[in-house]
Amino acid sequence: MDGRIVVGVDGSPSSRSALRWAVEEAGFRRTEVEAVLVWHVDNGMVIGPISADLAAGTDPERACDDWRAVLDDVVAEIGAETGAEIRTVLAEGDPREVLTKASADAALLVVGTRGVGLIREVLLGSVSSYCVHHAHCPVVVIREPKPERTEPKPVLTPGPLL
């Protein structure tokens, strides 16, 4: 193990939270963070935050460029918030396989989860669940942040006139 923390990133809120958590943990451990975005265009079934754009007849070179932009955006955002330097890896393939392979020489693997639902998980498989069961190092799963609830404002209605 080289001590680095590997983080699966896909541009989703949960992956951004996972990267924030990993950067904080890396500060405690005095180690580096490696953000890994794994992409694969399957025009029959594309899932993710920019899936509609990618599925619309995109060639692999353009898809790679689009995913690089997502990775760079996420890393720039979290890097600016935290002041951390984050290494990036962009890979084409199955996220489950690429992340578990990257875990072989890592101290920790961090992934987000969107809780997409049972049907979608059965059809596609959960990356986070797969990593928990197959990674070569400890795995931390970060849930998608819940939107902040705002308290409803009371509605004032005029009462009966006396």
Protein backbone atom coordinates (compact mmCIF):
# COMPACT_ATOMS: atom_id res chain seq x y z
CA MET A 1 0.00 0.00 0.00
CA ASP A 2 1.28 3.42 -0.84
CA GLY A 3 -1.07 5.24 1.53
CA ARG A 4 -2.98 7.24 -1.08
CA ILE A 5 -6.74 7.60 -0.98
CA VAL A 6 -8.54 6.73 -4.21
CA VAL A 7 -11.91 8.39 -4.82
CA GLY A 8 -14.46 7.48 -7.48
CA VAL A 9 -15.80 10.66 -9.09
CA ASP A 10 -18.61 11.06 -11.63
CA GLY A 11 -19.77 14.64 -11.13
CA SER A 12 -22.74 13.71 -8.94
CA PRO A 13 -23.37 15.41 -5.58
CA SER A 14 -22.44 12.18 -3.76
CA SER A 15 -19.11 11.92 -5.57
CA ARG A 16 -18.35 15.56 -4.75
CA SER A 17 -19.11 14.81 -1.09
CA ALA A 18 -16.90 11.72 -1.30
CA LEU A 19 -14.03 13.80 -2.67
CA ARG A 20 -14.46 16.43 0.07
CA TRP A 21 -14.44 13.71 2.73
CA ALA A 22 -11.35 12.07 1.19
CA VAL A 23 -9.44 15.36 1.11
CA GLU A 24 -10.21 15.93 4.78
CA GLU A 25 -9.16 12.37 5.66
CA ALA A 26 -5.98 12.72 3.59
CA GLY A 27 -5.12 15.79 5.67
CA PHE A 28 -5.29 13.70 8.83
CA ARG A 29 -3.25 10.90 7.26
CA ARG A 30 -0.83 13.24 5.47
CA THR A 31 -1.28 11.44 2.19
CA GLU A 32 -2.43 12.25 -1.32
CA VAL A 33 -5.83 11.94 -2.96
CA GLU A 34 -6.40 10.48 -6.39
CA ALA A 35 -9.73 11.30 -8.06
CA VAL A 36 -10.67 8.60 -10.58
CA LEU A 37 -13.41 9.12 -13.14
CA VAL A 38 -14.30 6.03 -15.15
CA TRP A 39 -16.39 6.45 -18.25
CA HIS A 40 -17.87 4.19 -20.87
CA VAL A 41 -20.36 5.11 -23.54
CA ASP A 42 -22.96 2.45 -24.17
CA ASN A 43 -25.56 4.10 -26.35
CA GLY A 44 -28.11 1.55 -25.20
CA MET A 45 -27.81 2.45 -21.54
CA VAL A 46 -25.91 5.50 -20.34
CA ILE A 47 -26.30 6.69 -16.77
CA GLY A 48 -24.91 9.70 -15.00
CA PRO A 49 -25.23 13.43 -14.59
CA ILE A 50 -24.46 14.20 -18.25
CA SER A 51 -25.77 10.98 -19.74
CA ALA A 52 -28.26 12.50 -22.17
CA ASP A 53 -25.53 14.59 -23.79
CA LEU A 54 -23.14 11.65 -23.96
CA ALA A 55 -25.67 9.19 -25.32
CA ALA A 56 -26.69 11.43 -28.19
CA GLY A 57 -24.43 9.83 -30.76
CA THR A 58 -21.19 10.99 -29.20
CA ASP A 59 -18.00 9.51 -30.51
CA PRO A 60 -15.55 8.06 -27.95
CA GLU A 61 -13.01 10.87 -28.37
CA ARG A 62 -15.63 13.53 -27.67
CA ALA A 63 -17.01 11.50 -24.75
CA CYS A 64 -13.52 11.29 -23.27
CA ASP A 65 -13.14 15.07 -23.62
CA ASP A 66 -16.56 15.63 -22.00
CA TRP A 67 -15.74 13.37 -19.05
CA ARG A 68 -12.29 15.03 -18.68
CA ALA A 69 -14.13 18.35 -18.35
CA VAL A 70 -16.37 16.88 -15.63
CA LEU A 71 -13.36 15.52 -13.74
CA ASP A 72 -11.45 18.79 -14.05
CA ASP A 73 -14.49 20.77 -12.88
CA VAL A 74 -15.05 18.62 -9.78
CA VAL A 75 -11.37 18.62 -8.84
CA ALA A 76 -11.08 22.40 -9.38
CA GLU A 77 -14.18 23.00 -7.22
CA ILE A 78 -13.06 20.81 -4.32
CA GLY A 79 -9.44 21.92 -4.65
CA ALA A 80 -10.50 25.57 -4.44
CA GLU A 81 -12.69 24.87 -1.38
CA THR A 82 -10.03 22.90 0.47
CA GLY A 83 -6.71 24.14 -0.89
CA ALA A 84 -5.72 20.54 -1.56
CA GLU A 85 -3.84 19.21 -4.53
CA ILE A 86 -5.71 16.29 -6.06
CA ARG A 87 -4.28 13.92 -8.64
CA THR A 88 -6.64 12.90 -11.44
CA VAL A 89 -7.09 9.72 -13.41
CA LEU A 90 -9.49 9.38 -16.33
CA ALA A 91 -10.12 5.80 -17.45
CA GLU A 92 -12.45 4.12 -19.91
CA GLY A 93 -14.10 0.92 -18.72
CA ASP A 94 -16.34 -0.52 -16.04
CA PRO A 95 -16.18 1.69 -12.92
CA ARG A 96 -16.45 -1.33 -10.62
CA GLU A 97 -13.45 -3.04 -12.16
CA VAL A 98 -11.28 0.07 -12.51
CA LEU A 99 -11.92 1.24 -8.94
CA THR A 100 -11.30 -2.16 -7.38
CA LYS A 101 -8.08 -2.49 -9.40
CA ALA A 102 -6.99 0.98 -8.18
CA SER A 103 -7.73 -0.13 -4.62
CA ALA A 104 -5.05 -2.83 -4.84
CA ASP A 105 -2.30 -0.42 -3.86
CA ALA A 106 -4.33 2.19 -1.97
CA ALA A 107 -4.86 2.72 1.74
CA LEU A 108 -8.53 3.60 1.26
CA LEU A 109 -11.18 3.68 -1.46
CA VAL A 110 -13.94 6.29 -1.17
CA VAL A 111 -17.08 6.21 -3.31
CA GLY A 112 -20.39 7.99 -3.28
CA THR A 113 -23.78 6.41 -3.57
CA ARG A 114 -26.94 7.90 -4.99
CA GLY A 115 -29.34 5.30 -3.66
CA VAL A 116 -30.82 4.94 -7.13
CA GLY A 117 -33.31 2.27 -6.20
CA LEU A 118 -33.61 -1.47 -6.27
CA ILE A 119 -34.61 -1.94 -9.92
CA ARG A 120 -31.80 0.19 -11.28
CA GLU A 121 -29.32 -1.49 -8.93
CA VAL A 122 -30.45 -4.98 -9.98
CA LEU A 123 -30.22 -4.12 -13.67
CA LEU A 124 -26.92 -2.25 -13.55
CA GLY A 125 -25.28 -3.18 -10.28
CA SER A 126 -24.23 -0.75 -7.63
CA VAL A 127 -20.67 0.50 -7.99
CA SER A 128 -20.45 1.21 -4.27
CA SER A 129 -21.79 -2.22 -3.30
CA TYR A 130 -19.41 -3.95 -5.69
CA CYS A 131 -16.45 -1.97 -4.31
CA VAL A 132 -17.38 -2.81 -0.71
CA HIS A 133 -17.34 -6.52 -1.56
CA HIS A 134 -14.34 -6.64 -3.93
CA ALA A 135 -11.90 -3.86 -3.03
CA HIS A 136 -8.42 -4.71 -1.80
CA CYS A 137 -8.49 -2.05 0.93
CA PRO A 138 -11.07 -0.52 3.28
CA VAL A 139 -13.94 1.28 1.54
CA VAL A 140 -15.85 4.33 2.72
CA VAL A 141 -19.25 4.96 1.10
CA ILE A 142 -20.59 8.51 1.25
CA ARG A 143 -24.32 9.01 0.75
CA GLU A 144 -25.67 11.72 -1.47
CA PRO A 145 -26.31 14.82 0.61
CA LYS A 146 -29.95 15.45 1.36
CA PRO A 147 -31.25 18.86 0.35
CA GLU A 148 -31.59 21.25 3.23
CA ARG A 149 -35.15 21.49 4.43
CA THR A 150 -36.62 24.87 4.89
CA GLU A 151 -39.36 25.32 7.39
CA PRO A 152 -42.62 26.38 5.78
CA LYS A 153 -43.59 29.93 6.55
CA PRO A 154 -46.87 30.34 8.37
CA VAL A 155 -49.64 31.71 6.25
CA LEU A 156 -51.44 34.55 7.92
CA THR A 157 -55.12 34.73 7.17
CA PRO A 158 -57.42 37.36 8.54
CA GLY A 159 -59.54 36.13 11.40
CA PRO A 160 -63.22 36.81 11.87
CA LEU A 161 -64.07 40.41 12.41
CA LEU A 162 -65.64 41.11 15.76
